Amino acid sequence: MPVTQIPASPRARTPQRSERPARTRPRARRLAPYLFILPAAILFATFKLYPIGWSFFLSLFKSVDGVDTYVGLDNYSRLFDDPLFWTALKNTAVILVVQVPVMLALATGLAVALNSGLLRARSIFRLGFFLPMVTGLVAYGVIFSVLLNQQYGLVNWMLSGVGIEGVPWLTDPRWAQVSLGLALTWHYTGYNAVILLARLQTIPGELYDAASVDGAGTWKSFLHVTLPGLRPAILLTTVLSTIGTLQIFDEPYILTRGGPDNATLTIGVYLYQNAFTYFDFGYASAIAYVLAVLIGVLGLIQFRVLGDKS
């Protein structure tokens, strides 16, 4: 009796797609991701990695009679005996310890106010407080230098209208530091407030309802619901503000050129003076690397203190 053969189903004859060897894929398909990131990698290496490496190389040399001479770590050891460097470091630390907390406190209060349902036309207020960040650093520095001018500035003119003598905003060491703090606070408070506001809007309303049921008032809800919810944004704004403060250059240079009497001399201004006034690029590069290490250390400390401990 003849045996009838059942033809194999088309599915059985066709190999599974997953069983095909990976090497059958076109080489161009495997190289495509690398080709896409190649332009960015070239730009990063050209404008980031190369200057960083060359700066460290320069920090090991000193120009003597126009000839670059290898001096090893002498530029770094020179920092410990440089009184101007310590003055610049102290001034930068004062800004970091005084102005940054005040600015972040104002930004937090501003974010809570902008998130309130009682505030009308909130979009207009948000735009208004964020606009200073859009203003160029040089432009707003020039504006503040005109506003705070002791002789013909608008601020002193308004103060004279209420019987207050003209304040030497930019010519007195103490008032120059205050002027710098005012300029920085005006420029960056709205920017930090927007970051905090974005985080504030992600806090569930049920948490406030639960706190209200437990008898918590407005202040306790702020302490036990709002602030813990803002913790990641507070960490971000603190780290960004710390980095920006340690690198600050435009504002003190435009307002006072680091004066009077080096009262507003920051590390950034002192680095610029050594590089482009005295043309001591080796020493300026050493200052830059010390500043980078300082930023890294402070960043790690802030992540340890303000980071998530869970």
C-alpha atoms as a PDB file:
ATOM      1  CA  MET A   1       0.000   0.000   0.000  1.00  0.00           C
ATOM      2  CA  PRO A   2       1.560   3.305  -1.033  1.00  0.00           C
ATOM      3  CA  VAL A   3       2.418   5.761   1.718  1.00  0.00           C
ATOM      4  CA  THR A   4       1.054   9.224   1.242  1.00  0.00           C
ATOM      5  CA  GLN A   5       3.532  11.886   2.183  1.00  0.00           C
ATOM      6  CA  ILE A   6       2.123  14.934   3.865  1.00  0.00           C
ATOM      7  CA  PRO A   7       3.815  18.060   2.573  1.00  0.00           C
ATOM      8  CA  ALA A   8       5.529  20.160   5.157  1.00  0.00           C
ATOM      9  CA  SER A   9       3.755  23.341   6.107  1.00  0.00           C
ATOM     10  CA  PRO A  10       5.200  26.595   4.800  1.00  0.00           C
ATOM     11  CA  ARG A  11       5.930  27.643   8.348  1.00  0.00           C
ATOM     12  CA  ALA A  12       8.038  24.545   8.958  1.00  0.00           C
ATOM     13  CA  ARG A  13      10.067  25.109   5.805  1.00  0.00           C
ATOM     14  CA  THR A  14      10.765  28.747   6.606  1.00  0.00           C
ATOM     15  CA  PRO A  15      13.509  29.295   9.201  1.00  0.00           C
ATOM     16  CA  GLN A  16      12.613  31.435  12.169  1.00  0.00           C
ATOM     17  CA  ARG A  17      13.720  35.053  11.937  1.00  0.00           C
ATOM     18  CA  SER A  18      15.449  34.854  15.314  1.00  0.00           C
ATOM     19  CA  GLU A  19      17.509  31.861  14.168  1.00  0.00           C
ATOM     20  CA  ARG A  20      19.295  33.798  11.438  1.00  0.00           C
ATOM     21  CA  PRO A  21      22.932  34.456  12.312  1.00  0.00           C
ATOM     22  CA  ALA A  22      23.705  37.971  13.378  1.00  0.00           C
ATOM     23  CA  ARG A  23      26.616  38.202  10.950  1.00  0.00           C
ATOM     24  CA  THR A  24      24.177  38.321   8.029  1.00  0.00           C
ATOM     25  CA  ARG A  25      23.273  41.851   9.007  1.00  0.00           C
ATOM     26  CA  PRO A  26      24.854  44.465   6.757  1.00  0.00           C
ATOM     27  CA  ARG A  27      27.991  46.010   8.180  1.00  0.00           C
ATOM     28  CA  ALA A  28      26.626  49.479   7.538  1.00  0.00           C
ATOM     29  CA  ARG A  29      23.726  48.769   9.877  1.00  0.00           C
ATOM     30  CA  ARG A  30      26.114  47.847  12.682  1.00  0.00           C
ATOM     31  CA  LEU A  31      28.228  50.930  12.093  1.00  0.00           C
ATOM     32  CA  ALA A  32      25.296  53.340  11.827  1.00  0.00           C
ATOM     33  CA  PRO A  33      25.150  54.277  15.557  1.00  0.00           C
ATOM     34  CA  TYR A  34      28.868  55.080  15.589  1.00  0.00           C
ATOM     35  CA  LEU A  35      28.573  57.190  12.450  1.00  0.00           C
ATOM     36  CA  PHE A  36      25.767  59.209  14.021  1.00  0.00           C
ATOM     37  CA  ILE A  37      27.757  60.019  17.163  1.00  0.00           C
ATOM     38  CA  LEU A  38      31.038  60.589  15.305  1.00  0.00           C
ATOM     39  CA  PRO A  39      30.486  64.330  14.595  1.00  0.00           C
ATOM     40  CA  ALA A  40      29.600  65.010  18.241  1.00  0.00           C
ATOM     41  CA  ALA A  41      32.593  62.972  19.398  1.00  0.00           C
ATOM     42  CA  ILE A  42      34.945  64.906  17.104  1.00  0.00           C
ATOM     43  CA  LEU A  43      33.604  68.254  18.307  1.00  0.00           C
ATOM     44  CA  PHE A  44      33.852  67.153  21.942  1.00  0.00           C
ATOM     45  CA  ALA A  45      37.424  65.975  21.500  1.00  0.00           C
ATOM     46  CA  THR A  46      38.419  69.135  19.618  1.00  0.00           C
ATOM     47  CA  PHE A  47      36.822  71.764  21.827  1.00  0.00           C
ATOM     48  CA  LYS A  48      36.760  69.971  25.207  1.00  0.00           C
ATOM     49  CA  LEU A  49      39.296  67.174  25.603  1.00  0.00           C
ATOM     50  CA  TYR A  50      42.107  68.881  23.722  1.00  0.00           C
ATOM     51  CA  PRO A  51      41.878  72.213  25.648  1.00  0.00           C
ATOM     52  CA  ILE A  52      41.643  70.337  28.952  1.00  0.00           C
ATOM     53  CA  GLY A  53      44.725  68.279  28.186  1.00  0.00           C
ATOM     54  CA  TRP A  54      46.677  71.222  26.782  1.00  0.00           C
ATOM     55  CA  SER A  55      45.781  73.318  29.831  1.00  0.00           C
ATOM     56  CA  PHE A  56      47.271  70.695  32.145  1.00  0.00           C
ATOM     57  CA  PHE A  57      50.371  70.585  29.940  1.00  0.00           C
ATOM     58  CA  LEU A  58      50.682  74.375  30.188  1.00  0.00           C
ATOM     59  CA  SER A  59      50.354  74.243  33.975  1.00  0.00           C
ATOM     60  CA  LEU A  60      53.700  72.438  34.106  1.00  0.00           C
ATOM     61  CA  PHE A  61      55.540  75.241  32.293  1.00  0.00           C
ATOM     62  CA  LYS A  62      56.464  78.836  33.004  1.00  0.00           C
ATOM     63  CA  SER A  63      57.406  81.521  30.534  1.00  0.00           C
ATOM     64  CA  VAL A  64      60.884  82.868  31.316  1.00  0.00           C
ATOM     65  CA  ASP A  65      62.072  85.647  28.985  1.00  0.00           C
ATOM     66  CA  GLY A  66      59.582  84.483  26.378  1.00  0.00           C
ATOM     67  CA  VAL A  67      60.736  80.844  26.563  1.00  0.00           C
ATOM     68  CA  ASP A  68      58.491  78.156  28.044  1.00  0.00           C
ATOM     69  CA  THR A  69      60.458  76.348  30.738  1.00  0.00           C
ATOM     70  CA  TYR A  70      59.366  73.138  32.406  1.00  0.00           C
ATOM     71  CA  VAL A  71      58.859  73.745  36.134  1.00  0.00           C
ATOM     72  CA  GLY A  72      56.840  70.685  37.146  1.00  0.00           C
ATOM     73  CA  LEU A  73      54.422  71.418  39.983  1.00  0.00           C
ATOM     74  CA  ASP A  74      55.933  74.792  40.868  1.00  0.00           C
ATOM     75  CA  ASN A  75      52.867  76.640  39.589  1.00  0.00           C
ATOM     76  CA  TYR A  76      50.683  74.650  41.977  1.00  0.00           C
ATOM     77  CA  SER A  77      52.948  75.187  44.965  1.00  0.00           C
ATOM     78  CA  ARG A  78      53.063  78.883  44.108  1.00  0.00           C
ATOM     79  CA  LEU A  79      49.344  79.115  44.891  1.00  0.00           C
ATOM     80  CA  PHE A  80      49.943  78.506  48.601  1.00  0.00           C
ATOM     81  CA  ASP A  81      52.169  81.598  48.851  1.00  0.00           C
ATOM     82  CA  ASP A  82      50.036  83.862  46.663  1.00  0.00           C
ATOM     83  CA  PRO A  83      48.009  86.311  48.811  1.00  0.00           C
ATOM     84  CA  LEU A  84      45.907  87.428  45.842  1.00  0.00           C
ATOM     85  CA  PHE A  85      44.804  83.860  45.193  1.00  0.00           C
ATOM     86  CA  TRP A  86      43.666  83.497  48.799  1.00  0.00           C
ATOM     87  CA  THR A  87      41.870  86.854  48.571  1.00  0.00           C
ATOM     88  CA  ALA A  88      40.071  85.690  45.435  1.00  0.00           C
ATOM     89  CA  LEU A  89      39.218  82.368  47.102  1.00  0.00           C
ATOM     90  CA  LYS A  90      37.872  84.160  50.186  1.00  0.00           C
ATOM     91  CA  ASN A  91      35.720  86.526  48.121  1.00  0.00           C
ATOM     92  CA  THR A  92      34.325  83.625  46.120  1.00  0.00           C
ATOM     93  CA  ALA A  93      33.597  81.714  49.331  1.00  0.00           C
ATOM     94  CA  VAL A  94      31.719  84.714  50.757  1.00  0.00           C
ATOM     95  CA  ILE A  95      29.499  84.839  47.685  1.00  0.00           C
ATOM     96  CA  LEU A  96      28.945  81.087  47.925  1.00  0.00           C
ATOM     97  CA  VAL A  97      28.077  81.098  51.631  1.00  0.00           C
ATOM     98  CA  VAL A  98      25.974  84.281  51.714  1.00  0.00           C
ATOM     99  CA  GLN A  99      24.483  85.007  48.317  1.00  0.00           C
ATOM    100  CA  VAL A 100      23.685  81.464  47.148  1.00  0.00           C
ATOM    101  CA  PRO A 101      21.538  80.461  50.185  1.00  0.00           C
ATOM    102  CA  VAL A 102      19.678  83.785  50.048  1.00  0.00           C
ATOM    103  CA  MET A 103      19.037  83.337  46.335  1.00  0.00           C
ATOM    104  CA  LEU A 104      17.820  79.737  46.718  1.00  0.00           C
ATOM    105  CA  ALA A 105      15.557  80.703  49.624  1.00  0.00           C
ATOM    106  CA  LEU A 106      14.017  83.460  47.506  1.00  0.00           C
ATOM    107  CA  ALA A 107      13.684  81.050  44.572  1.00  0.00           C
ATOM    108  CA  THR A 108      11.884  78.497  46.769  1.00  0.00           C
ATOM    109  CA  GLY A 109       9.431  81.102  48.067  1.00  0.00           C
ATOM    110  CA  LEU A 110       8.914  82.410  44.553  1.00  0.00           C
ATOM    111  CA  ALA A 111       8.224  78.906  43.220  1.00  0.00           C
ATOM    112  CA  VAL A 112       5.623  78.278  45.932  1.00  0.00           C
ATOM    113  CA  ALA A 113       3.975  81.624  45.149  1.00  0.00           C
ATOM    114  CA  LEU A 114       3.922  80.945  41.400  1.00  0.00           C
ATOM    115  CA  ASN A 115       2.350  77.541  42.044  1.00  0.00           C
ATOM    116  CA  SER A 116      -0.432  78.970  44.196  1.00  0.00           C
ATOM    117  CA  GLY A 117      -3.947  78.787  42.833  1.00  0.00           C
ATOM    118  CA  LEU A 118      -4.658  82.208  44.320  1.00  0.00           C
ATOM    119  CA  LEU A 119      -2.275  83.895  41.876  1.00  0.00           C
ATOM    120  CA  ARG A 120      -3.840  85.195  38.685  1.00  0.00           C
ATOM    121  CA  ALA A 121      -1.997  85.462  35.357  1.00  0.00           C
ATOM    122  CA  ARG A 122       0.643  83.044  36.593  1.00  0.00           C
ATOM    123  CA  SER A 123       2.128  82.588  33.121  1.00  0.00           C
ATOM    124  CA  ILE A 124       2.925  86.290  32.896  1.00  0.00           C
ATOM    125  CA  PHE A 125       4.614  86.292  36.302  1.00  0.00           C
ATOM    126  CA  ARG A 126       6.620  83.172  35.451  1.00  0.00           C
ATOM    127  CA  LEU A 127       7.821  84.762  32.227  1.00  0.00           C
ATOM    128  CA  GLY A 128       8.645  87.994  34.006  1.00  0.00           C
ATOM    129  CA  PHE A 129      10.776  86.342  36.666  1.00  0.00           C
ATOM    130  CA  PHE A 130      12.550  84.142  34.103  1.00  0.00           C
ATOM    131  CA  LEU A 131      13.379  86.959  31.657  1.00  0.00           C
ATOM    132  CA  PRO A 132      16.494  88.143  33.568  1.00  0.00           C
ATOM    133  CA  MET A 133      18.096  84.781  32.784  1.00  0.00           C
ATOM    134  CA  VAL A 134      17.640  85.455  29.066  1.00  0.00           C
ATOM    135  CA  THR A 135      19.511  88.755  29.370  1.00  0.00           C
ATOM    136  CA  GLY A 136      23.142  88.470  28.330  1.00  0.00           C
ATOM    137  CA  LEU A 137      25.740  88.561  31.102  1.00  0.00           C
ATOM    138  CA  VAL A 138      27.599  91.508  29.619  1.00  0.00           C
ATOM    139  CA  ALA A 139      24.404  93.426  28.907  1.00  0.00           C
ATOM    140  CA  TYR A 140      22.963  93.123  32.384  1.00  0.00           C
ATOM    141  CA  GLY A 141      26.359  93.846  33.933  1.00  0.00           C
ATOM    142  CA  VAL A 142      26.550  97.127  32.019  1.00  0.00           C
ATOM    143  CA  ILE A 143      22.981  97.965  33.024  1.00  0.00           C
ATOM    144  CA  PHE A 144      23.748  97.412  36.705  1.00  0.00           C
ATOM    145  CA  SER A 145      26.935  99.457  36.462  1.00  0.00           C
ATOM    146  CA  VAL A 146      24.870 102.370  35.145  1.00  0.00           C
ATOM    147  CA  LEU A 147      22.039 101.915  37.667  1.00  0.00           C
ATOM    148  CA  LEU A 148      24.456 101.779  40.611  1.00  0.00           C
ATOM    149  CA  ASN A 149      26.693 104.635  39.528  1.00  0.00           C
ATOM    150  CA  GLN A 150      27.258 106.905  42.509  1.00  0.00           C
ATOM    151  CA  GLN A 151      26.933 110.202  40.622  1.00  0.00           C
ATOM    152  CA  TYR A 152      24.217 109.714  38.014  1.00  0.00           C
ATOM    153  CA  GLY A 153      22.796 106.253  38.744  1.00  0.00           C
ATOM    154  CA  LEU A 154      19.048 105.753  38.962  1.00  0.00           C
ATOM    155  CA  VAL A 155      19.243 103.967  42.339  1.00  0.00           C
ATOM    156  CA  ASN A 156      21.012 106.854  44.091  1.00  0.00           C
ATOM    157  CA  TRP A 157      18.660 109.329  42.421  1.00  0.00           C
ATOM    158  CA  MET A 158      15.680 107.467  43.910  1.00  0.00           C
ATOM    159  CA  LEU A 159      17.373 107.286  47.318  1.00  0.00           C
ATOM    160  CA  SER A 160      18.029 111.018  47.247  1.00  0.00           C
ATOM    161  CA  GLY A 161      14.303 111.538  46.805  1.00  0.00           C
ATOM    162  CA  VAL A 162      13.704 110.089  50.290  1.00  0.00           C
ATOM    163  CA  GLY A 163      16.593 111.953  51.900  1.00  0.00           C
ATOM    164  CA  ILE A 164      19.293 109.256  51.692  1.00  0.00           C
ATOM    165  CA  GLU A 165      22.757 110.269  50.538  1.00  0.00           C
ATOM    166  CA  GLY A 166      24.288 108.630  47.520  1.00  0.00           C
ATOM    167  CA  VAL A 167      25.658 105.181  48.298  1.00  0.00           C
ATOM    168  CA  PRO A 168      29.106 104.302  46.840  1.00  0.00           C
ATOM    169  CA  TRP A 169      27.809 101.061  45.371  1.00  0.00           C
ATOM    170  CA  LEU A 170      30.822 100.335  43.178  1.00  0.00           C
ATOM    171  CA  THR A 171      33.605 102.340  44.831  1.00  0.00           C
ATOM    172  CA  ASP A 172      33.420 101.128  48.435  1.00  0.00           C
ATOM    173  CA  PRO A 173      34.707  97.580  49.108  1.00  0.00           C
ATOM    174  CA  ARG A 174      31.755  96.527  51.266  1.00  0.00           C
ATOM    175  CA  TRP A 175      29.100  98.094  49.072  1.00  0.00           C
ATOM    176  CA  ALA A 176      30.748  96.625  45.971  1.00  0.00           C
ATOM    177  CA  GLN A 177      30.247  93.138  47.416  1.00  0.00           C
ATOM    178  CA  VAL A 178      26.613  93.995  48.154  1.00  0.00           C
ATOM    179  CA  SER A 179      26.163  95.284  44.593  1.00  0.00           C
ATOM    180  CA  LEU A 180      27.589  92.085  43.171  1.00  0.00           C
ATOM    181  CA  GLY A 181      25.240  90.010  45.326  1.00  0.00           C
ATOM    182  CA  LEU A 182      22.242  92.063  44.204  1.00  0.00           C
ATOM    183  CA  ALA A 183      23.147  91.609  40.541  1.00  0.00           C
ATOM    184  CA  LEU A 184      23.602  87.856  40.905  1.00  0.00           C
ATOM    185  CA  THR A 185      20.355  87.471  42.851  1.00  0.00           C
ATOM    186  CA  TRP A 186      18.386  89.443  40.246  1.00  0.00           C
ATOM    187  CA  HIS A 187      19.784  87.404  37.394  1.00  0.00           C
ATOM    188  CA  TYR A 188      19.564  83.842  38.719  1.00  0.00           C
ATOM    189  CA  THR A 189      16.650  83.751  41.195  1.00  0.00           C
ATOM    190  CA  GLY A 190      13.981  83.381  38.514  1.00  0.00           C
ATOM    191  CA  TYR A 191      15.914  80.627  36.760  1.00  0.00           C
ATOM    192  CA  ASN A 192      16.191  78.567  39.942  1.00  0.00           C
ATOM    193  CA  ALA A 193      12.548  79.291  40.754  1.00  0.00           C
ATOM    194  CA  VAL A 194      11.453  77.773  37.436  1.00  0.00           C
ATOM    195  CA  ILE A 195      13.426  74.591  38.169  1.00  0.00           C
ATOM    196  CA  LEU A 196      11.904  74.354  41.651  1.00  0.00           C
ATOM    197  CA  LEU A 197       8.439  75.107  40.256  1.00  0.00           C
ATOM    198  CA  ALA A 198       8.705  72.248  37.758  1.00  0.00           C
ATOM    199  CA  ARG A 199       9.486  69.858  40.598  1.00  0.00           C
ATOM    200  CA  LEU A 200       6.804  71.382  42.832  1.00  0.00           C
ATOM    201  CA  GLN A 201       4.119  70.620  40.261  1.00  0.00           C
ATOM    202  CA  THR A 202       4.952  66.894  40.429  1.00  0.00           C
ATOM    203  CA  ILE A 203       4.171  66.597  44.153  1.00  0.00           C
ATOM    204  CA  PRO A 204       0.818  64.754  44.466  1.00  0.00           C
ATOM    205  CA  GLY A 205      -2.002  66.802  45.931  1.00  0.00           C
ATOM    206  CA  GLU A 206      -3.052  63.781  48.003  1.00  0.00           C
ATOM    207  CA  LEU A 207      -0.053  64.349  50.242  1.00  0.00           C
ATOM    208  CA  TYR A 208      -1.314  67.811  51.166  1.00  0.00           C
ATOM    209  CA  ASP A 209      -4.813  66.402  51.739  1.00  0.00           C
ATOM    210  CA  ALA A 210      -3.405  63.733  54.037  1.00  0.00           C
ATOM    211  CA  ALA A 211      -1.373  66.325  55.932  1.00  0.00           C
ATOM    212  CA  SER A 212      -4.478  68.486  56.325  1.00  0.00           C
ATOM    213  CA  VAL A 213      -6.430  65.528  57.688  1.00  0.00           C
ATOM    214  CA  ASP A 214      -3.657  64.954  60.227  1.00  0.00           C
ATOM    215  CA  GLY A 215      -4.060  68.537  61.392  1.00  0.00           C
ATOM    216  CA  ALA A 216      -1.013  70.052  59.685  1.00  0.00           C
ATOM    217  CA  GLY A 217      -1.254  73.726  58.890  1.00  0.00           C
ATOM    218  CA  THR A 218       0.314  75.632  56.015  1.00  0.00           C
ATOM    219  CA  TRP A 219       3.747  75.881  57.632  1.00  0.00           C
ATOM    220  CA  LYS A 220       3.919  72.220  58.679  1.00  0.00           C
ATOM    221  CA  SER A 221       2.741  71.118  55.237  1.00  0.00           C
ATOM    222  CA  PHE A 222       5.544  73.171  53.737  1.00  0.00           C
ATOM    223  CA  LEU A 223       8.140  71.613  56.063  1.00  0.00           C
ATOM    224  CA  HIS A 224       6.968  68.009  55.836  1.00  0.00           C
ATOM    225  CA  VAL A 225       5.530  67.803  52.311  1.00  0.00           C
ATOM    226  CA  THR A 226       6.849  70.599  50.113  1.00  0.00           C
ATOM    227  CA  LEU A 227      10.509  70.633  51.161  1.00  0.00           C
ATOM    228  CA  PRO A 228      10.962  66.810  51.035  1.00  0.00           C
ATOM    229  CA  GLY A 229       9.291  66.813  47.631  1.00  0.00           C
ATOM    230  CA  LEU A 230      11.611  69.573  46.426  1.00  0.00           C
ATOM    231  CA  ARG A 231      14.738  67.780  47.611  1.00  0.00           C
ATOM    232  CA  PRO A 232      15.974  66.621  44.162  1.00  0.00           C
ATOM    233  CA  ALA A 233      15.411  70.088  42.680  1.00  0.00           C
ATOM    234  CA  ILE A 234      17.075  71.767  45.655  1.00  0.00           C
ATOM    235  CA  LEU A 235      20.090  69.497  45.168  1.00  0.00           C
ATOM    236  CA  LEU A 236      20.225  70.346  41.463  1.00  0.00           C
ATOM    237  CA  THR A 237      19.951  74.109  41.981  1.00  0.00           C
ATOM    238  CA  THR A 238      22.484  74.015  44.815  1.00  0.00           C
ATOM    239  CA  VAL A 239      25.049  72.169  42.708  1.00  0.00           C
ATOM    240  CA  LEU A 240      24.468  74.403  39.673  1.00  0.00           C
ATOM    241  CA  SER A 241      24.667  77.550  41.805  1.00  0.00           C
ATOM    242  CA  THR A 242      27.865  76.335  43.452  1.00  0.00           C
ATOM    243  CA  ILE A 243      29.513  75.622  40.119  1.00  0.00           C
ATOM    244  CA  GLY A 244      28.362  78.956  38.700  1.00  0.00           C
ATOM    245  CA  THR A 245      29.578  80.875  41.757  1.00  0.00           C
ATOM    246  CA  LEU A 246      33.026  79.295  41.740  1.00  0.00           C
ATOM    247  CA  GLN A 247      33.354  80.099  38.037  1.00  0.00           C
ATOM    248  CA  ILE A 248      31.892  83.599  38.275  1.00  0.00           C
ATOM    249  CA  PHE A 249      33.692  86.088  36.055  1.00  0.00           C
ATOM    250  CA  ASP A 250      31.436  88.324  33.961  1.00  0.00           C
ATOM    251  CA  GLU A 251      29.642  90.203  36.735  1.00  0.00           C
ATOM    252  CA  PRO A 252      32.636  91.228  38.906  1.00  0.00           C
ATOM    253  CA  TYR A 253      34.765  91.990  35.864  1.00  0.00           C
ATOM    254  CA  ILE A 254      32.166  94.261  34.253  1.00  0.00           C
ATOM    255  CA  LEU A 255      30.970  95.947  37.455  1.00  0.00           C
ATOM    256  CA  THR A 256      34.245  96.599  39.282  1.00  0.00           C
ATOM    257  CA  ARG A 257      37.120  94.847  37.448  1.00  0.00           C
ATOM    258  CA  GLY A 258      37.643  92.943  40.710  1.00  0.00           C
ATOM    259  CA  GLY A 259      37.961  96.081  42.817  1.00  0.00           C
ATOM    260  CA  PRO A 260      37.867  98.255  44.720  1.00  0.00           C
ATOM    261  CA  ASP A 261      40.881  97.076  46.692  1.00  0.00           C
ATOM    262  CA  ASN A 262      40.303  93.514  45.380  1.00  0.00           C
ATOM    263  CA  ALA A 263      36.985  93.350  47.274  1.00  0.00           C
ATOM    264  CA  THR A 264      35.252  91.606  44.361  1.00  0.00           C
ATOM    265  CA  LEU A 265      38.255  89.739  42.992  1.00  0.00           C
ATOM    266  CA  THR A 266      37.037  86.195  42.307  1.00  0.00           C
ATOM    267  CA  ILE A 267      38.955  83.146  41.181  1.00  0.00           C
ATOM    268  CA  GLY A 268      37.618  83.576  37.651  1.00  0.00           C
ATOM    269  CA  VAL A 269      38.748  87.206  37.468  1.00  0.00           C
ATOM    270  CA  TYR A 270      42.155  86.372  38.917  1.00  0.00           C
ATOM    271  CA  LEU A 271      42.576  83.536  36.425  1.00  0.00           C
ATOM    272  CA  TYR A 272      41.718  85.922  33.583  1.00  0.00           C
ATOM    273  CA  GLN A 273      44.184  88.528  34.824  1.00  0.00           C
ATOM    274  CA  ASN A 274      47.038  86.034  34.944  1.00  0.00           C
ATOM    275  CA  ALA A 275      46.250  84.635  31.514  1.00  0.00           C
ATOM    276  CA  PHE A 276      45.406  87.728  29.473  1.00  0.00           C
ATOM    277  CA  THR A 277      46.918  90.624  31.436  1.00  0.00           C
ATOM    278  CA  TYR A 278      50.210  89.100  32.624  1.00  0.00           C
ATOM    279  CA  PHE A 279      50.262  86.331  29.965  1.00  0.00           C
ATOM    280  CA  ASP A 280      51.247  83.805  32.613  1.00  0.00           C
ATOM    281  CA  PHE A 281      49.334  80.947  31.028  1.00  0.00           C
ATOM    282  CA  GLY A 282      51.037  78.259  33.091  1.00  0.00           C
ATOM    283  CA  TYR A 283      49.974  79.784  36.391  1.00  0.00           C
ATOM    284  CA  ALA A 284      46.475  80.507  35.048  1.00  0.00           C
ATOM    285  CA  SER A 285      46.150  76.865  33.988  1.00  0.00           C
ATOM    286  CA  ALA A 286      47.191  75.738  37.463  1.00  0.00           C
ATOM    287  CA  ILE A 287      44.494  77.973  38.963  1.00  0.00           C
ATOM    288  CA  ALA A 288      41.956  76.463  36.574  1.00  0.00           C
ATOM    289  CA  TYR A 289      42.820  72.915  37.631  1.00  0.00           C
ATOM    290  CA  VAL A 290      42.689  73.763  41.324  1.00  0.00           C
ATOM    291  CA  LEU A 291      39.295  75.344  40.714  1.00  0.00           C
ATOM    292  CA  ALA A 292      38.095  72.190  38.924  1.00  0.00           C
ATOM    293  CA  VAL A 293      39.185  70.016  41.845  1.00  0.00           C
ATOM    294  CA  LEU A 294      37.471  72.372  44.285  1.00  0.00           C
ATOM    295  CA  ILE A 295      34.225  72.195  42.304  1.00  0.00           C
ATOM    296  CA  GLY A 296      34.390  68.402  42.232  1.00  0.00           C
ATOM    297  CA  VAL A 297      34.980  68.122  45.978  1.00  0.00           C
ATOM    298  CA  LEU A 298      32.145  70.503  46.854  1.00  0.00           C
ATOM    299  CA  GLY A 299      29.845  68.714  44.424  1.00  0.00           C
ATOM    300  CA  LEU A 300      30.529  65.347  46.075  1.00  0.00           C
ATOM    301  CA  ILE A 301      29.916  66.845  49.523  1.00  0.00           C
ATOM    302  CA  GLN A 302      26.604  68.318  48.410  1.00  0.00           C
ATOM    303  CA  PHE A 303      25.485  65.025  46.900  1.00  0.00           C
ATOM    304  CA  ARG A 304      26.348  63.266  50.155  1.00  0.00           C
ATOM    305  CA  VAL A 305      24.505  65.818  52.297  1.00  0.00           C
ATOM    306  CA  LEU A 306      21.482  66.589  50.123  1.00  0.00           C
ATOM    307  CA  GLY A 307      21.247  63.397  48.091  1.00  0.00           C
ATOM    308  CA  ASP A 308      18.730  60.624  48.585  1.00  0.00           C
ATOM    309  CA  LYS A 309      19.762  58.597  51.634  1.00  0.00           C
ATOM    310  CA  SER A 310      17.218  55.840  51.106  1.00  0.00           C
END
